[in-house]
Amino acid sequence: FGAYRDGQEIYGRAASKDKRLLVVEDTSHYDLYDRPEPTRQAVEAA
């Protein structure tokens, strides 16, 4: 589905002066939907 690729692309292309890319280790696309540890990292960062 390409989320890894798209995330890298928009992070690089965005004109935002304040931008952050968080790559969660050992994590797939759907792990970030509801798996406790990946979603914890995403929620805390957000």
ModelCIF file with pLDDT and N, C-alpha, C, O atoms, coordinates in Angstrom:
data_MODEL
#
_entry.id   MODEL 
#
_entity.id                         1 
_entity.type                       polymer 
_entity.pdbx_number_of_molecules   1 
#
_entity_poly.entity_id                      1 
_entity_poly.type                           'polypeptide(L)' 
_entity_poly.nstd_linkage                   no 
_entity_poly.nstd_monomer                   no 
_entity_poly.pdbx_seq_one_letter_code       FGAYRDGQEIYGRAASKDKRLLVVEDTSHYDLYDRPEPTRQAVEAA 
_entity_poly.pdbx_seq_one_letter_code_can   FGAYRDGQEIYGRAASKDKRLLVVEDTSHYDLYDRPEPTRQAVEAA 
_entity_poly.pdbx_strand_id                 A 
#
loop_
_entity_poly_seq.entity_id 
_entity_poly_seq.num 
_entity_poly_seq.mon_id 
_entity_poly_seq.hetero 
1 1  PHE n 
1 2  GLY n 
1 3  ALA n 
1 4  TYR n 
1 5  ARG n 
1 6  ASP n 
1 7  GLY n 
1 8  GLN n 
1 9  GLU n 
1 10 ILE n 
1 11 TYR n 
1 12 GLY n 
1 13 ARG n 
1 14 ALA n 
1 15 ALA n 
1 16 SER n 
1 17 LYS n 
1 18 ASP n 
1 19 LYS n 
1 20 ARG n 
1 21 LEU n 
1 22 LEU n 
1 23 VAL n 
1 24 VAL n 
1 25 GLU n 
1 26 ASP n 
1 27 THR n 
1 28 SER n 
1 29 HIS n 
1 30 TYR n 
1 31 ASP n 
1 32 LEU n 
1 33 TYR n 
1 34 ASP n 
1 35 ARG n 
1 36 PRO n 
1 37 GLU n 
1 38 PRO n 
1 39 THR n 
1 40 ARG n 
1 41 GLN n 
1 42 ALA n 
1 43 VAL n 
1 44 GLU n 
1 45 ALA n 
1 46 ALA n 
#
_struct_asym.id          A 
_struct_asym.entity_id   1 
#
loop_
_ma_qa_metric.id 
_ma_qa_metric.mode 
_ma_qa_metric.name 
_ma_qa_metric.software_group_id 
_ma_qa_metric.type 
1 global pLDDT . pLDDT 
2 local  pLDDT . pLDDT 
#
_ma_qa_metric_global.metric_id      1 
_ma_qa_metric_global.metric_value   97.85 
_ma_qa_metric_global.model_id       1 
_ma_qa_metric_global.ordinal_id     1 
#
loop_
_ma_qa_metric_local.label_asym_id 
_ma_qa_metric_local.label_comp_id 
_ma_qa_metric_local.label_seq_id 
_ma_qa_metric_local.metric_id 
_ma_qa_metric_local.metric_value 
_ma_qa_metric_local.model_id 
_ma_qa_metric_local.ordinal_id 
A PHE 1  2 97.00 1 1  
A GLY 2  2 98.00 1 2  
A ALA 3  2 98.00 1 3  
A TYR 4  2 98.00 1 4  
A ARG 5  2 98.00 1 5  
A ASP 6  2 98.00 1 6  
A GLY 7  2 98.00 1 7  
A GLN 8  2 98.00 1 8  
A GLU 9  2 98.00 1 9  
A ILE 10 2 98.00 1 10 
A TYR 11 2 98.00 1 11 
A GLY 12 2 98.00 1 12 
A ARG 13 2 98.00 1 13 
A ALA 14 2 98.00 1 14 
A ALA 15 2 98.00 1 15 
A SER 16 2 98.00 1 16 
A LYS 17 2 97.00 1 17 
A ASP 18 2 98.00 1 18 
A LYS 19 2 98.00 1 19 
A ARG 20 2 98.00 1 20 
A LEU 21 2 98.00 1 21 
A LEU 22 2 98.00 1 22 
A VAL 23 2 98.00 1 23 
A VAL 24 2 98.00 1 24 
A GLU 25 2 98.00 1 25 
A ASP 26 2 98.00 1 26 
A THR 27 2 98.00 1 27 
A SER 28 2 98.00 1 28 
A HIS 29 2 98.00 1 29 
A TYR 30 2 98.00 1 30 
A ASP 31 2 98.00 1 31 
A LEU 32 2 98.00 1 32 
A TYR 33 2 97.00 1 33 
A ASP 34 2 96.00 1 34 
A ARG 35 2 97.00 1 35 
A PRO 36 2 97.00 1 36 
A GLU 37 2 98.00 1 37 
A PRO 38 2 98.00 1 38 
A THR 39 2 98.00 1 39 
A ARG 40 2 98.00 1 40 
A GLN 41 2 98.00 1 41 
A ALA 42 2 98.00 1 42 
A VAL 43 2 98.00 1 43 
A GLU 44 2 98.00 1 44 
A ALA 45 2 98.00 1 45 
A ALA 46 2 98.00 1 46 
#
loop_
_atom_site.group_PDB 
_atom_site.id 
_atom_site.type_symbol 
_atom_site.label_atom_id 
_atom_site.label_alt_id 
_atom_site.label_comp_id 
_atom_site.label_asym_id 
_atom_site.label_entity_id 
_atom_site.label_seq_id 
_atom_site.pdbx_PDB_ins_code 
_atom_site.Cartn_x 
_atom_site.Cartn_y 
_atom_site.Cartn_z 
_atom_site.occupancy 
_atom_site.B_iso_or_equiv 
_atom_site.pdbx_formal_charge 
_atom_site.auth_seq_id 
_atom_site.auth_comp_id 
_atom_site.auth_asym_id 
_atom_site.auth_atom_id 
_atom_site.pdbx_PDB_model_num 
ATOM 1   N N  . PHE A 1 1  ? 0.813  -1.210 0.000  1.00 97.00 ? 1  PHE A N  1 
ATOM 2   C CA . PHE A 1 1  ? 0.000  0.000  0.000  1.00 97.00 ? 1  PHE A CA 1 
ATOM 3   C C  . PHE A 1 1  ? 0.851  1.265  0.000  1.00 97.00 ? 1  PHE A C  1 
ATOM 4   O O  . PHE A 1 1  ? 0.356  2.342  -0.335 1.00 97.00 ? 1  PHE A O  1 
ATOM 5   N N  . GLY A 1 2  ? 2.117  1.148  0.370  1.00 98.00 ? 2  GLY A N  1 
ATOM 6   C CA . GLY A 1 2  ? 3.066  2.224  0.134  1.00 98.00 ? 2  GLY A CA 1 
ATOM 7   C C  . GLY A 1 2  ? 3.177  3.306  1.177  1.00 98.00 ? 2  GLY A C  1 
ATOM 8   O O  . GLY A 1 2  ? 3.685  4.384  0.869  1.00 98.00 ? 2  GLY A O  1 
ATOM 9   N N  . ALA A 1 3  ? 2.722  3.074  2.408  1.00 98.00 ? 3  ALA A N  1 
ATOM 10  C CA . ALA A 1 3  ? 2.795  4.123  3.424  1.00 98.00 ? 3  ALA A CA 1 
ATOM 11  C C  . ALA A 1 3  ? 4.233  4.508  3.741  1.00 98.00 ? 3  ALA A C  1 
ATOM 12  O O  . ALA A 1 3  ? 4.520  5.685  3.960  1.00 98.00 ? 3  ALA A O  1 
ATOM 13  N N  . TYR A 1 4  ? 5.141  3.539  3.771  1.00 98.00 ? 4  TYR A N  1 
ATOM 14  C CA . TYR A 1 4  ? 6.542  3.848  4.066  1.00 98.00 ? 4  TYR A CA 1 
ATOM 15  C C  . TYR A 1 4  ? 7.098  4.794  3.003  1.00 98.00 ? 4  TYR A C  1 
ATOM 16  O O  . TYR A 1 4  ? 7.732  5.800  3.319  1.00 98.00 ? 4  TYR A O  1 
ATOM 17  N N  . ARG A 1 5  ? 6.855  4.459  1.768  1.00 98.00 ? 5  ARG A N  1 
ATOM 18  C CA . ARG A 1 5  ? 7.322  5.286  0.651  1.00 98.00 ? 5  ARG A CA 1 
ATOM 19  C C  . ARG A 1 5  ? 6.665  6.657  0.659  1.00 98.00 ? 5  ARG A C  1 
ATOM 20  O O  . ARG A 1 5  ? 7.343  7.672  0.499  1.00 98.00 ? 5  ARG A O  1 
ATOM 21  N N  . ASP A 1 6  ? 5.362  6.695  0.843  1.00 98.00 ? 6  ASP A N  1 
ATOM 22  C CA . ASP A 1 6  ? 4.646  7.970  0.818  1.00 98.00 ? 6  ASP A CA 1 
ATOM 23  C C  . ASP A 1 6  ? 5.056  8.862  1.986  1.00 98.00 ? 6  ASP A C  1 
ATOM 24  O O  . ASP A 1 6  ? 5.182  10.077 1.831  1.00 98.00 ? 6  ASP A O  1 
ATOM 25  N N  . GLY A 1 7  ? 5.261  8.259  3.146  1.00 98.00 ? 7  GLY A N  1 
ATOM 26  C CA . GLY A 1 7  ? 5.682  9.044  4.301  1.00 98.00 ? 7  GLY A CA 1 
ATOM 27  C C  . GLY A 1 7  ? 7.031  9.701  4.087  1.00 98.00 ? 7  GLY A C  1 
ATOM 28  O O  . GLY A 1 7  ? 7.221  10.875 4.406  1.00 98.00 ? 7  GLY A O  1 
ATOM 29  N N  . GLN A 1 8  ? 7.970  8.935  3.543  1.00 98.00 ? 8  GLN A N  1 
ATOM 30  C CA . GLN A 1 8  ? 9.284  9.498  3.243  1.00 98.00 ? 8  GLN A CA 1 
ATOM 31  C C  . GLN A 1 8  ? 9.166  10.615 2.209  1.00 98.00 ? 8  GLN A C  1 
ATOM 32  O O  . GLN A 1 8  ? 9.829  11.647 2.315  1.00 98.00 ? 8  GLN A O  1 
ATOM 33  N N  . GLU A 1 9  ? 8.320  10.397 1.218  1.00 98.00 ? 9  GLU A N  1 
ATOM 34  C CA . GLU A 1 9  ? 8.181  11.386 0.145  1.00 98.00 ? 9  GLU A CA 1 
ATOM 35  C C  . GLU A 1 9  ? 7.608  12.708 0.650  1.00 98.00 ? 9  GLU A C  1 
ATOM 36  O O  . GLU A 1 9  ? 8.164  13.770 0.370  1.00 98.00 ? 9  GLU A O  1 
ATOM 37  N N  . ILE A 1 10 ? 6.508  12.653 1.387  1.00 98.00 ? 10 ILE A N  1 
ATOM 38  C CA . ILE A 1 10 ? 5.880  13.906 1.804  1.00 98.00 ? 10 ILE A CA 1 
ATOM 39  C C  . ILE A 1 10 ? 6.730  14.623 2.836  1.00 98.00 ? 10 ILE A C  1 
ATOM 40  O O  . ILE A 1 10 ? 6.740  15.853 2.882  1.00 98.00 ? 10 ILE A O  1 
ATOM 41  N N  . TYR A 1 11 ? 7.437  13.876 3.659  1.00 98.00 ? 11 TYR A N  1 
ATOM 42  C CA . TYR A 1 11 ? 8.350  14.521 4.608  1.00 98.00 ? 11 TYR A CA 1 
ATOM 43  C C  . TYR A 1 11 ? 9.422  15.306 3.857  1.00 98.00 ? 11 TYR A C  1 
ATOM 44  O O  . TYR A 1 11 ? 9.754  16.428 4.239  1.00 98.00 ? 11 TYR A O  1 
ATOM 45  N N  . GLY A 1 12 ? 9.959  14.722 2.796  1.00 98.00 ? 12 GLY A N  1 
ATOM 46  C CA . GLY A 1 12 ? 10.987 15.403 2.028  1.00 98.00 ? 12 GLY A CA 1 
ATOM 47  C C  . GLY A 1 12 ? 10.466 16.575 1.222  1.00 98.00 ? 12 GLY A C  1 
ATOM 48  O O  . GLY A 1 12 ? 11.161 17.578 1.063  1.00 98.00 ? 12 GLY A O  1 
ATOM 49  N N  . ARG A 1 13 ? 9.245  16.458 0.711  1.00 98.00 ? 13 ARG A N  1 
ATOM 50  C CA . ARG A 1 13 ? 8.711  17.487 -0.178 1.00 98.00 ? 13 ARG A CA 1 
ATOM 51  C C  . ARG A 1 13 ? 8.050  18.651 0.536  1.00 98.00 ? 13 ARG A C  1 
ATOM 52  O O  . ARG A 1 13 ? 7.988  19.750 -0.015 1.00 98.00 ? 13 ARG A O  1 
ATOM 53  N N  . ALA A 1 14 ? 7.557  18.442 1.736  1.00 98.00 ? 14 ALA A N  1 
ATOM 54  C CA . ALA A 1 14 ? 6.773  19.472 2.425  1.00 98.00 ? 14 ALA A CA 1 
ATOM 55  C C  . ALA A 1 14 ? 7.578  20.748 2.623  1.00 98.00 ? 14 ALA A C  1 
ATOM 56  O O  . ALA A 1 14 ? 8.764  20.714 2.949  1.00 98.00 ? 14 ALA A O  1 
ATOM 57  N N  . ALA A 1 15 ? 6.899  21.879 2.417  1.00 98.00 ? 15 ALA A N  1 
ATOM 58  C CA . ALA A 1 15 ? 7.526  23.185 2.634  1.00 98.00 ? 15 ALA A CA 1 
ATOM 59  C C  . ALA A 1 15 ? 7.580  23.543 4.114  1.00 98.00 ? 15 ALA A C  1 
ATOM 60  O O  . ALA A 1 15 ? 8.169  24.562 4.474  1.00 98.00 ? 15 ALA A O  1 
ATOM 61  N N  . SER A 1 16 ? 6.986  22.741 4.967  1.00 98.00 ? 16 SER A N  1 
ATOM 62  C CA . SER A 1 16 ? 6.917  23.031 6.397  1.00 98.00 ? 16 SER A CA 1 
ATOM 63  C C  . SER A 1 16 ? 8.310  23.278 6.973  1.00 98.00 ? 16 SER A C  1 
ATOM 64  O O  . SER A 1 16 ? 9.232  22.492 6.758  1.00 98.00 ? 16 SER A O  1 
ATOM 65  N N  . LYS A 1 17 ? 8.446  24.380 7.707  1.00 97.00 ? 17 LYS A N  1 
ATOM 66  C CA . LYS A 1 17 ? 9.710  24.652 8.389  1.00 97.00 ? 17 LYS A CA 1 
ATOM 67  C C  . LYS A 1 17 ? 9.858  23.772 9.626  1.00 97.00 ? 17 LYS A C  1 
ATOM 68  O O  . LYS A 1 17 ? 10.973 23.486 10.060 1.00 97.00 ? 17 LYS A O  1 
ATOM 69  N N  . ASP A 1 18 ? 8.744  23.350 10.184 1.00 98.00 ? 18 ASP A N  1 
ATOM 70  C CA . ASP A 1 18 ? 8.751  22.471 11.356 1.00 98.00 ? 18 ASP A CA 1 
ATOM 71  C C  . ASP A 1 18 ? 8.099  21.160 10.954 1.00 98.00 ? 18 ASP A C  1 
ATOM 72  O O  . ASP A 1 18 ? 6.874  21.062 10.885 1.00 98.00 ? 18 ASP A O  1 
ATOM 73  N N  . LYS A 1 19 ? 8.914  20.161 10.692 1.00 98.00 ? 19 LYS A N  1 
ATOM 74  C CA . LYS A 1 19 ? 8.375  18.857 10.289 1.00 98.00 ? 19 LYS A CA 1 
ATOM 75  C C  . LYS A 1 19 ? 9.193  17.759 10.940 1.00 98.00 ? 19 LYS A C  1 
ATOM 76  O O  . LYS A 1 19 ? 10.392 17.900 11.182 1.00 98.00 ? 19 LYS A O  1 
ATOM 77  N N  . ARG A 1 20 ? 8.493  16.642 11.222 1.00 98.00 ? 20 ARG A N  1 
ATOM 78  C CA . ARG A 1 20 ? 9.129  15.525 11.912 1.00 98.00 ? 20 ARG A CA 1 
ATOM 79  C C  . ARG A 1 20 ? 8.696  14.225 11.278 1.00 98.00 ? 20 ARG A C  1 
ATOM 80  O O  . ARG A 1 20 ? 7.528  14.058 10.927 1.00 98.00 ? 20 ARG A O  1 
ATOM 81  N N  . LEU A 1 21 ? 9.621  13.310 11.128 1.00 98.00 ? 21 LEU A N  1 
ATOM 82  C CA . LEU A 1 21 ? 9.342  11.969 10.622 1.00 98.00 ? 21 LEU A CA 1 
ATOM 83  C C  . LEU A 1 21 ? 9.699  10.962 11.707 1.00 98.00 ? 21 LEU A C  1 
ATOM 84  O O  . LEU A 1 21 ? 10.849 10.876 12.138 1.00 98.00 ? 21 LEU A O  1 
ATOM 85  N N  . LEU A 1 22 ? 8.690  10.197 12.146 1.00 98.00 ? 22 LEU A N  1 
ATOM 86  C CA . LEU A 1 22 ? 8.908  9.138  13.130 1.00 98.00 ? 22 LEU A CA 1 
ATOM 87  C C  . LEU A 1 22 ? 8.732  7.795  12.437 1.00 98.00 ? 22 LEU A C  1 
ATOM 88  O O  . LEU A 1 22 ? 7.644  7.471  11.961 1.00 98.00 ? 22 LEU A O  1 
ATOM 89  N N  . VAL A 1 23 ? 9.805  7.018  12.382 1.00 98.00 ? 23 VAL A N  1 
ATOM 90  C CA . VAL A 1 23 ? 9.754  5.669  11.812 1.00 98.00 ? 23 VAL A CA 1 
ATOM 91  C C  . VAL A 1 23 ? 9.769  4.682  12.972 1.00 98.00 ? 23 VAL A C  1 
ATOM 92  O O  . VAL A 1 23 ? 10.780 4.549  13.663 1.00 98.00 ? 23 VAL A O  1 
ATOM 93  N N  . VAL A 1 24 ? 8.664  3.996  13.186 1.00 98.00 ? 24 VAL A N  1 
ATOM 94  C CA . VAL A 1 24 ? 8.528  3.074  14.313 1.00 98.00 ? 24 VAL A CA 1 
ATOM 95  C C  . VAL A 1 24 ? 9.139  1.730  13.920 1.00 98.00 ? 24 VAL A C  1 
ATOM 96  O O  . VAL A 1 24 ? 8.762  1.142  12.906 1.00 98.00 ? 24 VAL A O  1 
ATOM 97  N N  . GLU A 1 25 ? 10.073 1.257  14.716 1.00 98.00 ? 25 GLU A N  1 
ATOM 98  C CA . GLU A 1 25 ? 10.812 0.047  14.383 1.00 98.00 ? 25 GLU A CA 1 
ATOM 99  C C  . GLU A 1 25 ? 9.955  -1.214 14.510 1.00 98.00 ? 25 GLU A C  1 
ATOM 100 O O  . GLU A 1 25 ? 9.056  -1.308 15.346 1.00 98.00 ? 25 GLU A O  1 
ATOM 101 N N  . ASP A 1 26 ? 10.276 -2.185 13.636 1.00 98.00 ? 26 ASP A N  1 
ATOM 102 C CA . ASP A 1 26 ? 9.625  -3.500 13.640 1.00 98.00 ? 26 ASP A CA 1 
ATOM 103 C C  . ASP A 1 26 ? 8.108  -3.364 13.579 1.00 98.00 ? 26 ASP A C  1 
ATOM 104 O O  . ASP A 1 26 ? 7.382  -4.044 14.304 1.00 98.00 ? 26 ASP A O  1 
ATOM 105 N N  . THR A 1 27 ? 7.641  -2.477 12.708 1.00 98.00 ? 27 THR A N  1 
ATOM 106 C CA . THR A 1 27 ? 6.212  -2.128 12.658 1.00 98.00 ? 27 THR A CA 1 
ATOM 107 C C  . THR A 1 27 ? 5.726  -2.068 11.220 1.00 98.00 ? 27 THR A C  1 
ATOM 108 O O  . THR A 1 27 ? 6.381  -1.488 10.354 1.00 98.00 ? 27 THR A O  1 
ATOM 109 N N  . SER A 1 28 ? 4.561  -2.678 10.973 1.00 98.00 ? 28 SER A N  1 
ATOM 110 C CA . SER A 1 28 ? 3.931  -2.653 9.660  1.00 98.00 ? 28 SER A CA 1 
ATOM 111 C C  . SER A 1 28 ? 2.819  -1.605 9.633  1.00 98.00 ? 28 SER A C  1 
ATOM 112 O O  . SER A 1 28 ? 2.512  -0.970 10.642 1.00 98.00 ? 28 SER A O  1 
ATOM 113 N N  . HIS A 1 29 ? 2.235  -1.447 8.470  1.00 98.00 ? 29 HIS A N  1 
ATOM 114 C CA . HIS A 1 29 ? 1.133  -0.499 8.284  1.00 98.00 ? 29 HIS A CA 1 
ATOM 115 C C  . HIS A 1 29 ? 0.011  -0.743 9.296  1.00 98.00 ? 29 HIS A C  1 
ATOM 116 O O  . HIS A 1 29 ? -0.423 0.183  9.982  1.00 98.00 ? 29 HIS A O  1 
ATOM 117 N N  . TYR A 1 30 ? -0.452 -1.980 9.385  1.00 98.00 ? 30 TYR A N  1 
ATOM 118 C CA . TYR A 1 30 ? -1.621 -2.266 10.229 1.00 98.00 ? 30 TYR A CA 1 
ATOM 119 C C  . TYR A 1 30 ? -1.271 -2.422 11.702 1.00 98.00 ? 30 TYR A C  1 
ATOM 120 O O  . TYR A 1 30 ? -2.162 -2.405 12.551 1.00 98.00 ? 30 TYR A O  1 
ATOM 121 N N  . ASP A 1 31 ? 0.010  -2.575 12.017 1.00 98.00 ? 31 ASP A N  1 
ATOM 122 C CA . ASP A 1 31 ? 0.401  -2.515 13.422 1.00 98.00 ? 31 ASP A CA 1 
ATOM 123 C C  . ASP A 1 31 ? 0.065  -1.146 14.004 1.00 98.00 ? 31 ASP A C  1 
ATOM 124 O O  . ASP A 1 31 ? -0.264 -1.030 15.185 1.00 98.00 ? 31 ASP A O  1 
ATOM 125 N N  . LEU A 1 32 ? 0.152  -0.103 13.164 1.00 98.00 ? 32 LEU A N  1 
ATOM 126 C CA . LEU A 1 32 ? -0.113 1.258  13.625 1.00 98.00 ? 32 LEU A CA 1 
ATOM 127 C C  . LEU A 1 32 ? -1.600 1.565  13.755 1.00 98.00 ? 32 LEU A C  1 
ATOM 128 O O  . LEU A 1 32 ? -1.975 2.668  14.150 1.00 98.00 ? 32 LEU A O  1 
ATOM 129 N N  . TYR A 1 33 ? -2.446 0.593  13.423 1.00 97.00 ? 33 TYR A N  1 
ATOM 130 C CA . TYR A 1 33 ? -3.888 0.767  13.633 1.00 97.00 ? 33 TYR A CA 1 
ATOM 131 C C  . TYR A 1 33 ? -4.275 0.507  15.087 1.00 97.00 ? 33 TYR A C  1 
ATOM 132 O O  . TYR A 1 33 ? -5.041 1.266  15.681 1.00 97.00 ? 33 TYR A O  1 
ATOM 133 N N  . ASP A 1 34 ? -3.724 -0.596 15.664 1.00 96.00 ? 34 ASP A N  1 
ATOM 134 C CA . ASP A 1 34 ? -4.239 -0.977 16.985 1.00 96.00 ? 34 ASP A CA 1 
ATOM 135 C C  . ASP A 1 34 ? -3.274 -1.778 17.851 1.00 96.00 ? 34 ASP A C  1 
ATOM 136 O O  . ASP A 1 34 ? -3.623 -2.119 18.981 1.00 96.00 ? 34 ASP A O  1 
ATOM 137 N N  . ARG A 1 35 ? -2.085 -2.090 17.370 1.00 97.00 ? 35 ARG A N  1 
ATOM 138 C CA . ARG A 1 35 ? -1.155 -2.829 18.208 1.00 97.00 ? 35 ARG A CA 1 
ATOM 139 C C  . ARG A 1 35 ? -0.623 -1.895 19.301 1.00 97.00 ? 35 ARG A C  1 
ATOM 140 O O  . ARG A 1 35 ? -0.227 -0.767 19.006 1.00 97.00 ? 35 ARG A O  1 
ATOM 141 N N  . PRO A 1 36 ? -0.611 -2.350 20.549 1.00 97.00 ? 36 PRO A N  1 
ATOM 142 C CA . PRO A 1 36 ? -0.346 -1.436 21.677 1.00 97.00 ? 36 PRO A CA 1 
ATOM 143 C C  . PRO A 1 36 ? 0.942  -0.632 21.585 1.00 97.00 ? 36 PRO A C  1 
ATOM 144 O O  . PRO A 1 36 ? 0.910  0.588  21.751 1.00 97.00 ? 36 PRO A O  1 
ATOM 145 N N  . GLU A 1 37 ? 2.064  -1.273 21.329 1.00 98.00 ? 37 GLU A N  1 
ATOM 146 C CA . GLU A 1 37 ? 3.333  -0.536 21.366 1.00 98.00 ? 37 GLU A CA 1 
ATOM 147 C C  . GLU A 1 37 ? 3.482  0.457  20.206 1.00 98.00 ? 37 GLU A C  1 
ATOM 148 O O  . GLU A 1 37 ? 3.823  1.613  20.453 1.00 98.00 ? 37 GLU A O  1 
ATOM 149 N N  . PRO A 1 38 ? 3.241  0.054  18.952 1.00 98.00 ? 38 PRO A N  1 
ATOM 150 C CA . PRO A 1 38 ? 3.343  1.044  17.878 1.00 98.00 ? 38 PRO A CA 1 
ATOM 151 C C  . PRO A 1 38 ? 2.353  2.207  18.036 1.00 98.00 ? 38 PRO A C  1 
ATOM 152 O O  . PRO A 1 38 ? 2.708  3.365  17.818 1.00 98.00 ? 38 PRO A O  1 
ATOM 153 N N  . THR A 1 39 ? 1.107  1.885  18.417 1.00 98.00 ? 39 THR A N  1 
ATOM 154 C CA . THR A 1 39 ? 0.135  2.971  18.551 1.00 98.00 ? 39 THR A CA 1 
ATOM 155 C C  . THR A 1 39 ? 0.474  3.869  19.734 1.00 98.00 ? 39 THR A C  1 
ATOM 156 O O  . THR A 1 39 ? 0.196  5.068  19.705 1.00 98.00 ? 39 THR A O  1 
ATOM 157 N N  . ARG A 1 40 ? 1.073  3.296  20.775 1.00 98.00 ? 40 ARG A N  1 
ATOM 158 C CA . ARG A 1 40 ? 1.515  4.141  21.895 1.00 98.00 ? 40 ARG A CA 1 
ATOM 159 C C  . ARG A 1 40 ? 2.516  5.181  21.417 1.00 98.00 ? 40 ARG A C  1 
ATOM 160 O O  . ARG A 1 40 ? 2.417  6.359  21.761 1.00 98.00 ? 40 ARG A O  1 
ATOM 161 N N  . GLN A 1 41 ? 3.480  4.735  20.623 1.00 98.00 ? 41 GLN A N  1 
ATOM 162 C CA . GLN A 1 41 ? 4.493  5.666  20.128 1.00 98.00 ? 41 GLN A CA 1 
ATOM 163 C C  . GLN A 1 41 ? 3.870  6.734  19.231 1.00 98.00 ? 41 GLN A C  1 
ATOM 164 O O  . GLN A 1 41 ? 4.244  7.905  19.299 1.00 98.00 ? 41 GLN A O  1 
ATOM 165 N N  . ALA A 1 42 ? 2.925  6.327  18.396 1.00 98.00 ? 42 ALA A N  1 
ATOM 166 C CA . ALA A 1 42 ? 2.279  7.289  17.506 1.00 98.00 ? 42 ALA A CA 1 
ATOM 167 C C  . ALA A 1 42 ? 1.458  8.303  18.299 1.00 98.00 ? 42 ALA A C  1 
ATOM 168 O O  . ALA A 1 42 ? 1.521  9.503  18.030 1.00 98.00 ? 42 ALA A O  1 
ATOM 169 N N  . VAL A 1 43 ? 0.691  7.822  19.274 1.00 98.00 ? 43 VAL A N  1 
ATOM 170 C CA . VAL A 1 43 ? -0.153 8.719  20.076 1.00 98.00 ? 43 VAL A CA 1 
ATOM 171 C C  . VAL A 1 43 ? 0.699  9.679  20.898 1.00 98.00 ? 43 VAL A C  1 
ATOM 172 O O  . VAL A 1 43 ? 0.388  10.866 20.990 1.00 98.00 ? 43 VAL A O  1 
ATOM 173 N N  . GLU A 1 44 ? 1.763  9.171  21.490 1.00 98.00 ? 44 GLU A N  1 
ATOM 174 C CA . GLU A 1 44 ? 2.627  10.040 22.287 1.00 98.00 ? 44 GLU A CA 1 
ATOM 175 C C  . GLU A 1 44 ? 3.280  11.112 21.414 1.00 98.00 ? 44 GLU A C  1 
ATOM 176 O O  . GLU A 1 44 ? 3.385  12.267 21.826 1.00 98.00 ? 44 GLU A O  1 
ATOM 177 N N  . ALA A 1 45 ? 3.717  10.735 20.216 1.00 98.00 ? 45 ALA A N  1 
ATOM 178 C CA . ALA A 1 45 ? 4.329  11.711 19.331 1.00 98.00 ? 45 ALA A CA 1 
ATOM 179 C C  . ALA A 1 45 ? 3.313  12.760 18.881 1.00 98.00 ? 45 ALA A C  1 
ATOM 180 O O  . ALA A 1 45 ? 3.627  13.949 18.820 1.00 98.00 ? 45 ALA A O  1 
ATOM 181 N N  . ALA A 1 46 ? 2.086  12.313 18.563 1.00 98.00 ? 46 ALA A N  1 
ATOM 182 C CA . ALA A 1 46 ? 1.054  13.250 18.122 1.00 98.00 ? 46 ALA A CA 1 
ATOM 183 C C  . ALA A 1 46 ? 0.626  14.175 19.258 1.00 98.00 ? 46 ALA A C  1 
ATOM 184 O O  . ALA A 1 46 ? -0.238 15.031 19.064 1.00 98.00 ? 46 ALA A O  1 
#
